[in-house]
C-alpha atoms as a PDB file:
ATOM      1  CA  MET A   1      -0.135   0.030  -0.097  1.00  0.00           C
ATOM      2  CA  LEU A   2       2.989   2.360   0.870  1.00  0.00           C
ATOM      3  CA  PHE A   3       4.368   2.027  -2.637  1.00  0.00           C
ATOM      4  CA  VAL A   4       0.955   2.633  -4.368  1.00  0.00           C
ATOM      5  CA  ALA A   5       0.753   5.850  -2.328  1.00  0.00           C
ATOM      6  CA  ILE A   6       4.095   6.964  -3.186  1.00  0.00           C
ATOM      7  CA  GLY A   7       3.228   6.083  -6.931  1.00  0.00           C
ATOM      8  CA  CYS A   8       0.038   8.168  -6.813  1.00  0.00           C
ATOM      9  CA  GLY A   9       2.057  11.078  -5.450  1.00  0.00           C
ATOM     10  CA  ALA A  10       4.760  10.934  -7.889  1.00  0.00           C
ATOM     11  CA  CYS A  11       2.311  10.557 -10.830  1.00  0.00           C
ATOM     12  CA  LEU A  12       0.402  13.418  -9.763  1.00  0.00           C
ATOM     13  CA  PHE A  13       3.514  15.779  -9.380  1.00  0.00           C
ATOM     14  CA  ALA A  14       4.491  14.712 -12.924  1.00  0.00           C
ATOM     15  CA  ILE A  15       1.133  15.800 -14.191  1.00  0.00           C
ATOM     16  CA  GLY A  16       1.148  19.094 -12.341  1.00  0.00           C
ATOM     17  CA  TYR A  17       4.525  19.927 -13.390  1.00  0.00           C
ATOM     18  CA  SER A  18       3.567  19.411 -16.912  1.00  0.00           C
ATOM     19  CA  VAL A  19       0.725  21.266 -16.696  1.00  0.00           C
ATOM     20  CA  LEU A  20       2.661  24.186 -15.278  1.00  0.00           C
ATOM     21  CA  THR A  21       5.161  24.152 -18.036  1.00  0.00           C
ATOM     22  CA  VAL A  22       2.457  25.058 -20.874  1.00  0.00           C
ATOM     23  CA  GLY A  23      -0.245  26.712 -18.683  1.00  0.00           C
ATOM     24  CA  HIS A  24      -0.923  29.128 -15.956  1.00  0.00           C
ATOM     25  CA  PRO A  25      -2.612  28.709 -12.681  1.00  0.00           C
ATOM     26  CA  ASN A  26      -6.216  30.092 -12.585  1.00  0.00           C
ATOM     27  CA  GLY A  27      -9.448  29.971 -10.707  1.00  0.00           C
ATOM     28  CA  ASP A  28      -9.246  29.246  -7.114  1.00  0.00           C
ATOM     29  CA  ALA A  29      -5.372  28.346  -7.410  1.00  0.00           C
ATOM     30  CA  TYR A  30      -4.797  31.706  -8.890  1.00  0.00           C
ATOM     31  CA  ILE A  31      -6.608  33.365  -6.024  1.00  0.00           C
ATOM     32  CA  LEU A  32      -4.768  31.445  -3.353  1.00  0.00           C
ATOM     33  CA  PHE A  33      -1.341  31.989  -4.967  1.00  0.00           C
ATOM     34  CA  ARG A  34      -1.846  35.498  -4.895  1.00  0.00           C
ATOM     35  CA  TYR A  35      -2.593  35.671  -1.329  1.00  0.00           C
ATOM     36  CA  VAL A  36       0.355  33.489  -0.734  1.00  0.00           C
ATOM     37  CA  GLU A  37       2.777  35.574  -2.710  1.00  0.00           C
ATOM     38  CA  ASN A  38       1.561  38.912  -1.156  1.00  0.00           C
ATOM     39  CA  THR A  39       1.911  37.557   2.275  1.00  0.00           C
ATOM     40  CA  ALA A  40       5.593  35.921   1.721  1.00  0.00           C
ATOM     41  CA  GLY A  41       6.322  39.282   0.427  1.00  0.00           C
ATOM     42  CA  GLY A  42       5.487  41.006   3.692  1.00  0.00           C
ATOM     43  CA  HIS A  43       2.302  42.688   2.753  1.00  0.00           C
ATOM     44  CA  GLY A  44       0.176  40.775   4.841  1.00  0.00           C
ATOM     45  CA  ILE A  45      -2.953  38.494   4.037  1.00  0.00           C
ATOM     46  CA  VAL A  46      -4.214  40.476   1.356  1.00  0.00           C
ATOM     47  CA  TYR A  47      -5.680  39.970  -2.151  1.00  0.00           C
ATOM     48  CA  ASN A  48      -4.494  43.473  -3.375  1.00  0.00           C
ATOM     49  CA  VAL A  49      -1.356  45.130  -2.025  1.00  0.00           C
ATOM     50  CA  GLY A  50      -2.381  47.833   0.379  1.00  0.00           C
ATOM     51  CA  GLY A  51      -6.245  46.432   0.600  1.00  0.00           C
ATOM     52  CA  GLU A  52      -8.094  45.014   3.378  1.00  0.00           C
ATOM     53  CA  ARG A  53      -6.751  42.248   5.281  1.00  0.00           C
ATOM     54  CA  ALA A  54      -8.676  39.009   4.828  1.00  0.00           C
ATOM     55  CA  GLU A  55      -7.834  35.382   4.495  1.00  0.00           C
ATOM     56  CA  GLY A  56      -9.163  34.124   1.399  1.00  0.00           C
ATOM     57  CA  ALA A  57      -8.061  30.315   1.434  1.00  0.00           C
ATOM     58  CA  THR A  58     -10.466  27.921   2.826  1.00  0.00           C
ATOM     59  CA  ASP A  59      -7.683  25.888   4.432  1.00  0.00           C
ATOM     60  CA  PHE A  60      -5.354  28.087   6.476  1.00  0.00           C
ATOM     61  CA  LEU A  61      -2.863  25.335   7.123  1.00  0.00           C
ATOM     62  CA  TRP A  62      -2.360  24.930   3.392  1.00  0.00           C
ATOM     63  CA  PHE A  63      -1.982  28.613   2.792  1.00  0.00           C
ATOM     64  CA  LEU A  64       0.697  28.752   5.799  1.00  0.00           C
ATOM     65  CA  LEU A  65       2.474  25.843   4.149  1.00  0.00           C
ATOM     66  CA  LEU A  66       2.565  27.543   0.774  1.00  0.00           C
ATOM     67  CA  THR A  67       3.556  30.961   2.274  1.00  0.00           C
ATOM     68  CA  LEU A  68       6.677  29.246   4.252  1.00  0.00           C
ATOM     69  CA  ALA A  69       7.698  27.527   0.997  1.00  0.00           C
ATOM     70  CA  VAL A  70       7.734  30.489  -0.877  1.00  0.00           C
ATOM     71  CA  ARG A  71       9.695  32.646   2.009  1.00  0.00           C
ATOM     72  CA  LEU A  72      12.192  29.893   1.506  1.00  0.00           C
ATOM     73  CA  GLY A  73      12.537  30.588  -2.092  1.00  0.00           C
ATOM     74  CA  ALA A  74      10.292  28.216  -3.808  1.00  0.00           C
ATOM     75  CA  ASP A  75       7.945  28.940  -6.650  1.00  0.00           C
ATOM     76  CA  VAL A  76       4.432  28.848  -5.219  1.00  0.00           C
ATOM     77  CA  ALA A  77       3.078  26.751  -8.107  1.00  0.00           C
ATOM     78  CA  ILE A  78       5.981  24.006  -7.904  1.00  0.00           C
ATOM     79  CA  ALA A  79       5.605  24.004  -4.064  1.00  0.00           C
ATOM     80  CA  ALA A  80       1.853  23.522  -4.397  1.00  0.00           C
ATOM     81  CA  ALA A  81       2.505  20.406  -6.998  1.00  0.00           C
ATOM     82  CA  CYS A  82       4.787  19.050  -4.142  1.00  0.00           C
ATOM     83  CA  LEU A  83       2.699  19.491  -1.434  1.00  0.00           C
ATOM     84  CA  ASN A  84      -0.271  18.136  -3.336  1.00  0.00           C
ATOM     85  CA  SER A  85       1.566  14.897  -4.417  1.00  0.00           C
ATOM     86  CA  VAL A  86       2.292  14.336  -0.679  1.00  0.00           C
ATOM     87  CA  GLY A  87      -1.235  14.928  -0.035  1.00  0.00           C
ATOM     88  CA  VAL A  88      -2.203  12.667  -2.579  1.00  0.00           C
ATOM     89  CA  GLY A  89       0.037  10.105  -1.563  1.00  0.00           C
ATOM     90  CA  LEU A  90      -1.075  10.406   2.217  1.00  0.00           C
ATOM     91  CA  ALA A  91      -4.744  10.168   1.215  1.00  0.00           C
ATOM     92  CA  GLY A  92      -3.939   6.899  -0.732  1.00  0.00           C
ATOM     93  CA  TRP A  93      -2.532   5.510   2.268  1.00  0.00           C
ATOM     94  CA  LEU A  94      -5.510   6.591   4.442  1.00  0.00           C
ATOM     95  CA  LEU A  95      -7.963   5.316   1.938  1.00  0.00           C
ATOM     96  CA  GLY A  96      -6.159   1.916   1.893  1.00  0.00           C
ATOM     97  CA  GLY A  97      -6.636   1.877   5.613  1.00  0.00           C
ATOM     98  CA  LEU A  98     -10.373   2.556   5.302  1.00  0.00           C
ATOM     99  CA  CYS A  99     -10.388  -0.365   2.586  1.00  0.00           C
ATOM    100  CA  ARG A 100      -8.715  -2.901   4.927  1.00  0.00           C
ATOM    101  CA  GLY A 101     -10.929  -1.858   7.704  1.00  0.00           C
ATOM    102  CA  GLU A 102     -13.722  -3.958   5.818  1.00  0.00           C
ATOM    103  CA  ALA A 103     -11.345  -7.286   6.309  1.00  0.00           C
ATOM    104  CA  GLY A 104     -11.146  -6.813  10.077  1.00  0.00           C
ATOM    105  CA  ARG A 105      -9.742  -3.613  11.072  1.00  0.00           C
ATOM    106  CA  PRO A 106     -12.317  -1.913  13.586  1.00  0.00           C
ATOM    107  CA  VAL A 107     -14.030   1.214  12.138  1.00  0.00           C
ATOM    108  CA  TRP A 108     -12.672   3.352  14.843  1.00  0.00           C
ATOM    109  CA  VAL A 109      -9.162   2.986  13.624  1.00  0.00           C
ATOM    110  CA  SER A 110     -10.279   4.195   9.984  1.00  0.00           C
ATOM    111  CA  ALA A 111     -12.382   6.955  11.493  1.00  0.00           C
ATOM    112  CA  ALA A 112      -9.157   7.949  13.647  1.00  0.00           C
ATOM    113  CA  LEU A 113      -7.253   8.256  10.399  1.00  0.00           C
ATOM    114  CA  CYS A 114      -9.563  10.604   9.039  1.00  0.00           C
ATOM    115  CA  CYS A 115     -10.585  12.505  12.165  1.00  0.00           C
ATOM    116  CA  ALA A 116      -8.763  15.695  10.926  1.00  0.00           C
ATOM    117  CA  LEU A 117     -11.234  16.011   8.082  1.00  0.00           C
ATOM    118  CA  PRO A 118     -14.744  16.442   9.537  1.00  0.00           C
ATOM    119  CA  VAL A 119     -15.635  19.579   7.837  1.00  0.00           C
ATOM    120  CA  VAL A 120     -15.192  20.140   4.142  1.00  0.00           C
ATOM    121  CA  PHE A 121     -15.963  23.243   2.226  1.00  0.00           C
ATOM    122  CA  ARG A 122     -17.314  23.039  -1.186  1.00  0.00           C
ATOM    123  CA  SER A 123     -19.329  24.966  -3.415  1.00  0.00           C
ATOM    124  CA  VAL A 124     -22.888  25.167  -4.542  1.00  0.00           C
ATOM    125  CA  ALA A 125     -21.569  24.290  -8.200  1.00  0.00           C
ATOM    126  CA  ALA A 126     -21.268  20.598  -7.073  1.00  0.00           C
ATOM    127  CA  ASP A 127     -24.968  20.208  -7.457  1.00  0.00           C
ATOM    128  CA  ARG A 128     -25.258  20.628 -11.189  1.00  0.00           C
ATOM    129  CA  GLY A 129     -22.674  20.890 -14.371  1.00  0.00           C
ATOM    130  CA  ARG A 130     -23.281  24.161 -16.352  1.00  0.00           C
ATOM    131  CA  GLN A 131     -21.445  25.048 -19.324  1.00  0.00           C
ATOM    132  CA  SER A 132     -19.920  28.318 -17.988  1.00  0.00           C
ATOM    133  CA  ASN A 133     -17.750  26.212 -15.424  1.00  0.00           C
ATOM    134  CA  TYR A 134     -18.423  22.406 -15.910  1.00  0.00           C
ATOM    135  CA  VAL A 135     -14.779  21.462 -15.003  1.00  0.00           C
ATOM    136  CA  TYR A 136     -15.040  23.372 -11.805  1.00  0.00           C
ATOM    137  CA  CYS A 137     -18.514  21.607 -11.032  1.00  0.00           C
ATOM    138  CA  ALA A 138     -16.920  18.239 -11.993  1.00  0.00           C
ATOM    139  CA  ALA A 139     -14.261  18.679  -9.492  1.00  0.00           C
ATOM    140  CA  LYS A 140     -16.660  19.877  -6.610  1.00  0.00           C
ATOM    141  CA  GLY A 141     -19.057  17.285  -7.392  1.00  0.00           C
ATOM    142  CA  ALA A 142     -16.432  14.294  -7.212  1.00  0.00           C
ATOM    143  CA  VAL A 143     -15.551  15.541  -3.903  1.00  0.00           C
ATOM    144  CA  LYS A 144     -19.520  15.593  -2.786  1.00  0.00           C
ATOM    145  CA  VAL A 145     -19.749  12.032  -3.590  1.00  0.00           C
ATOM    146  CA  PHE A 146     -16.697  11.170  -2.156  1.00  0.00           C
ATOM    147  CA  LEU A 147     -17.747  12.683   1.168  1.00  0.00           C
ATOM    148  CA  GLU A 148     -21.132  10.867   0.849  1.00  0.00           C
ATOM    149  CA  GLY A 149     -19.223   7.650   1.165  1.00  0.00           C
ATOM    150  CA  LEU A 150     -16.823   8.651   3.703  1.00  0.00           C
ATOM    151  CA  ARG A 151     -19.845  10.015   5.905  1.00  0.00           C
ATOM    152  CA  ASN A 152     -21.598   6.575   5.485  1.00  0.00           C
ATOM    153  CA  ARG A 153     -18.299   4.824   6.526  1.00  0.00           C
ATOM    154  CA  LEU A 154     -17.475   6.916   9.493  1.00  0.00           C
ATOM    155  CA  HIS A 155     -20.916   7.209  10.913  1.00  0.00           C
ATOM    156  CA  PRO A 156     -20.623   3.877  13.048  1.00  0.00           C
ATOM    157  CA  ALA A 157     -17.688   5.434  14.734  1.00  0.00           C
ATOM    158  CA  GLY A 158     -19.317   8.593  15.627  1.00  0.00           C
ATOM    159  CA  VAL A 159     -17.527  10.858  13.210  1.00  0.00           C
ATOM    160  CA  ASN A 160     -19.726  13.460  11.540  1.00  0.00           C
ATOM    161  CA  VAL A 161     -18.665  14.529   8.164  1.00  0.00           C
ATOM    162  CA  LEU A 162     -20.014  17.914   7.213  1.00  0.00           C
ATOM    163  CA  THR A 163     -20.279  19.140   3.707  1.00  0.00           C
ATOM    164  CA  LEU A 164     -20.506  22.901   3.410  1.00  0.00           C
ATOM    165  CA  LYS A 165     -22.086  24.171   0.198  1.00  0.00           C
ATOM    166  CA  ILE A 166     -21.033  27.824   0.022  1.00  0.00           C
ATOM    167  CA  GLY A 167     -22.682  30.456  -2.166  1.00  0.00           C
ATOM    168  CA  ARG A 168     -21.396  33.900  -3.463  1.00  0.00           C
ATOM    169  CA  VAL A 169     -19.689  35.672  -0.429  1.00  0.00           C
ATOM    170  CA  ASP A 170     -19.087  39.546  -0.252  1.00  0.00           C
ATOM    171  CA  THR A 171     -15.134  39.670   0.382  1.00  0.00           C
ATOM    172  CA  PRO A 172     -12.233  42.054  -0.487  1.00  0.00           C
ATOM    173  CA  MET A 173     -11.489  39.519  -3.397  1.00  0.00           C
ATOM    174  CA  THR A 174     -14.859  40.031  -4.994  1.00  0.00           C
ATOM    175  CA  ALA A 175     -15.146  43.708  -4.195  1.00  0.00           C
ATOM    176  CA  SER A 176     -15.002  44.950  -7.553  1.00  0.00           C
ATOM    177  CA  LEU A 177     -17.735  42.816  -8.600  1.00  0.00           C
ATOM    178  CA  ARG A 178     -21.321  44.024  -8.857  1.00  0.00           C
ATOM    179  CA  LYS A 179     -23.424  42.397  -5.955  1.00  0.00           C
ATOM    180  CA  GLY A 180     -26.951  41.246  -5.892  1.00  0.00           C
ATOM    181  CA  ILE A 181     -29.179  39.787  -3.387  1.00  0.00           C
ATOM    182  CA  ILE A 182     -27.719  36.371  -3.636  1.00  0.00           C
ATOM    183  CA  TRP A 183     -24.300  37.829  -2.103  1.00  0.00           C
ATOM    184  CA  ALA A 184     -23.707  37.068   1.577  1.00  0.00           C
ATOM    185  CA  ARG A 185     -21.653  39.062   4.070  1.00  0.00           C
ATOM    186  CA  SER A 186     -18.631  37.164   5.356  1.00  0.00           C
ATOM    187  CA  ASP A 187     -19.631  37.311   8.918  1.00  0.00           C
ATOM    188  CA  ARG A 188     -22.951  36.041   8.173  1.00  0.00           C
ATOM    189  CA  VAL A 189     -21.550  33.160   6.138  1.00  0.00           C
ATOM    190  CA  ALA A 190     -19.055  32.355   9.372  1.00  0.00           C
ATOM    191  CA  ALA A 191     -21.784  32.300  11.746  1.00  0.00           C
ATOM    192  CA  ASP A 192     -23.762  29.985   9.542  1.00  0.00           C
ATOM    193  CA  ILE A 193     -21.024  27.691   9.294  1.00  0.00           C
ATOM    194  CA  CYS A 194     -20.592  27.592  12.944  1.00  0.00           C
ATOM    195  CA  LYS A 195     -24.198  26.748  13.545  1.00  0.00           C
ATOM    196  CA  ALA A 196     -23.912  23.708  10.975  1.00  0.00           C
ATOM    197  CA  ILE A 197     -21.051  22.495  13.080  1.00  0.00           C
ATOM    198  CA  GLU A 198     -22.453  22.805  16.314  1.00  0.00           C
ATOM    199  CA  ARG A 199     -25.919  21.186  15.332  1.00  0.00           C
ATOM    200  CA  LYS A 200     -23.703  18.317  13.418  1.00  0.00           C
ATOM    201  CA  ARG A 201     -25.299  18.658  10.272  1.00  0.00           C
ATOM    202  CA  ASP A 202     -24.487  16.246   7.461  1.00  0.00           C
ATOM    203  CA  VAL A 203     -24.840  18.965   4.594  1.00  0.00           C
ATOM    204  CA  ALA A 204     -25.383  22.742   4.867  1.00  0.00           C
ATOM    205  CA  TYR A 205     -26.191  25.327   2.201  1.00  0.00           C
ATOM    206  CA  VAL A 206     -24.443  28.744   3.294  1.00  0.00           C
ATOM    207  CA  PRO A 207     -26.467  30.967   3.314  1.00  0.00           C
ATOM    208  CA  TRP A 208     -29.646  28.860   3.709  1.00  0.00           C
ATOM    209  CA  PHE A 209     -31.478  30.062   0.675  1.00  0.00           C
ATOM    210  CA  TRP A 210     -28.756  28.227  -1.951  1.00  0.00           C
ATOM    211  CA  ARG A 211     -30.608  25.228  -1.008  1.00  0.00           C
ATOM    212  CA  GLY A 212     -33.892  26.228  -2.659  1.00  0.00           C
ATOM    213  CA  ILE A 213     -31.893  27.913  -5.652  1.00  0.00           C
ATOM    214  CA  MET A 214     -30.029  24.736  -6.359  1.00  0.00           C
ATOM    215  CA  MET A 215     -33.144  22.684  -5.685  1.00  0.00           C
ATOM    216  CA  ALA A 216     -34.781  24.676  -8.352  1.00  0.00           C
ATOM    217  CA  ILE A 217     -31.794  24.046 -10.845  1.00  0.00           C
ATOM    218  CA  ARG A 218     -31.616  20.346 -10.313  1.00  0.00           C
ATOM    219  CA  ALA A 219     -35.196  20.176 -11.064  1.00  0.00           C
ATOM    220  CA  ILE A 220     -34.893  21.529 -14.593  1.00  0.00           C
ATOM    221  CA  PRO A 221     -35.372  18.522 -17.064  1.00  0.00           C
ATOM    222  CA  GLU A 222     -32.121  17.801 -18.828  1.00  0.00           C
ATOM    223  CA  ARG A 223     -33.844  18.448 -22.258  1.00  0.00           C
ATOM    224  CA  LEU A 224     -34.602  21.996 -21.318  1.00  0.00           C
ATOM    225  CA  PHE A 225     -31.356  22.478 -19.348  1.00  0.00           C
ATOM    226  CA  LYS A 226     -28.961  22.060 -22.118  1.00  0.00           C
ATOM    227  CA  ARG A 227     -30.543  24.830 -23.936  1.00  0.00           C
ATOM    228  CA  LEU A 228     -30.042  27.309 -21.238  1.00  0.00           C
ATOM    229  CA  ARG A 229     -26.847  29.569 -20.917  1.00  0.00           C
ATOM    230  CA  LEU A 230     -25.982  29.268 -17.313  1.00  0.00           C
END
């Protein structure tokens, strides 16, 4: 299992490095890298130099690790590829532990391996693929399905796996965008997340009204949906 995990990590690094030689990070990766580079450069946790300080990554530890790597002289994208490879290798080893649990390992042992991942931030984009960002939707959807299985697997051990589906949030990063009624303040989003954790929810839409919005979008027949521009 260890060799399989190492192999998976090495393959991911090779793929990531190959992509970086011909492309440029965009989307969530670009946003995170910008925060990292500004922080490593001594400007603080800001998206725009001189702007309001706000942490824009959903995983603060990941942000700190990348910032440390950049401070030590590493390229942020290469550092991310390396750390991702380590993460995939570790995840492969942990999942192997979960699978072996079916062959005699107590479920609480597998639960202990994953207890550091009880709350996962995702996007409402996971609910249905749309032409404007279907690759992004696919990535979020894959994690959603994985968490469903993980929740089912760890429930006997008393481990609650919470999937947070976040909508549009008004932050310094989105300051230049035109806002509408579906945008939520960051303090409200934080309060809703805390409530979901305290109540041990399985899935929570943040803010709550996104549940109704995405339910309506999922209810559109495929024959009609493929004609829409969403």
